[in-house]
């Protein structure tokens, strides 16, 4: 879940139309990496945007040696 305010301080501040919002970030090499998307409703200026970009399904975890519950 990502949350941000549709404000000028966040380089936005204009009414956002209803539609698909895609989220990207830069990876270690500086390349743009897609991290998720969802659809938002019409969002007025200075309103909170809540965006569920999805759940990770391809992660594997292992317990580090020497750690105890």
Protein backbone atom coordinates (compact mmCIF):
# COMPACT_ATOMS: atom_id res chain seq x y z
CA UNK A 1 0.00 0.00 0.00
CA UNK A 2 1.34 3.41 -0.93
CA UNK A 3 -0.13 6.68 0.31
CA UNK A 4 0.65 10.23 -0.75
CA UNK A 5 -1.08 13.59 -0.85
CA UNK A 6 -1.93 15.04 -4.24
CA UNK A 7 -0.10 18.29 -3.41
CA UNK A 8 2.34 20.71 -5.00
CA UNK A 9 4.88 19.70 -2.32
CA UNK A 10 4.78 16.20 -3.87
CA UNK A 11 5.19 17.60 -7.41
CA UNK A 12 1.47 17.10 -8.11
CA UNK A 13 -1.31 19.41 -6.90
CA UNK A 14 -3.64 19.12 -9.90
CA UNK A 15 -6.92 17.16 -9.97
CA UNK A 16 -6.08 13.59 -10.94
CA UNK A 17 -8.53 11.91 -13.30
CA UNK A 18 -9.89 8.44 -12.67
CA UNK A 19 -7.63 5.86 -14.25
CA UNK A 20 -4.66 3.53 -14.01
CA UNK A 21 -1.68 4.67 -11.96
CA UNK A 22 1.64 2.84 -12.41
CA UNK A 23 4.51 2.96 -9.93
CA UNK A 24 8.19 2.68 -10.88
CA UNK A 25 11.49 3.01 -9.00
CA UNK A 26 15.15 3.06 -9.98
CA UNK A 27 17.06 -0.18 -9.43
CA UNK A 28 20.71 -0.47 -8.34
CA UNK A 29 21.88 0.22 -11.91
CA UNK A 30 19.67 3.29 -12.25
CA UNK A 31 17.15 1.63 -14.58
CA UNK A 32 13.42 2.17 -14.09
CA UNK A 33 11.74 -0.86 -12.53
CA UNK A 34 7.97 -1.42 -12.53
CA UNK A 35 6.73 -2.08 -8.97
CA UNK A 36 2.94 -2.13 -9.33
CA UNK A 37 -0.25 -0.51 -10.56
CA UNK A 38 -3.88 0.01 -9.68
CA UNK A 39 -6.85 2.18 -10.64
CA UNK A 40 -7.63 5.39 -8.72
CA UNK A 41 -10.86 7.38 -8.60
CA UNK A 42 -11.03 11.10 -9.43
CA UNK A 43 -8.80 12.74 -6.82
CA UNK A 44 -9.02 16.47 -6.04
CA UNK A 45 -5.99 18.59 -5.26
CA UNK A 46 -4.58 18.19 -1.71
CA UNK A 47 -6.43 14.89 -1.12
CA UNK A 48 -4.86 11.64 0.07
CA UNK A 49 -4.27 8.95 -2.57
CA UNK A 50 -4.17 5.34 -1.36
CA UNK A 51 -2.80 2.90 -3.89
CA UNK A 52 -2.60 -0.84 -3.34
CA UNK A 53 0.10 -1.91 -5.78
CA UNK A 54 -0.34 -5.63 -5.15
CA UNK A 55 1.19 -8.43 -3.14
CA UNK A 56 4.55 -10.03 -3.75
CA UNK A 57 4.10 -13.68 -4.65
CA UNK A 58 7.58 -14.72 -5.74
CA UNK A 59 9.56 -14.14 -2.53
CA UNK A 60 11.34 -16.88 -0.65
CA UNK A 61 12.52 -16.50 2.94
CA UNK A 62 15.13 -18.39 4.91
CA UNK A 63 16.08 -18.20 8.55
CA UNK A 64 19.53 -16.79 9.25
CA UNK A 65 21.86 -19.06 11.22
CA UNK A 66 22.26 -18.24 14.89
CA UNK A 67 18.85 -16.60 15.33
CA UNK A 68 16.38 -18.06 17.78
CA UNK A 69 12.64 -17.50 18.20
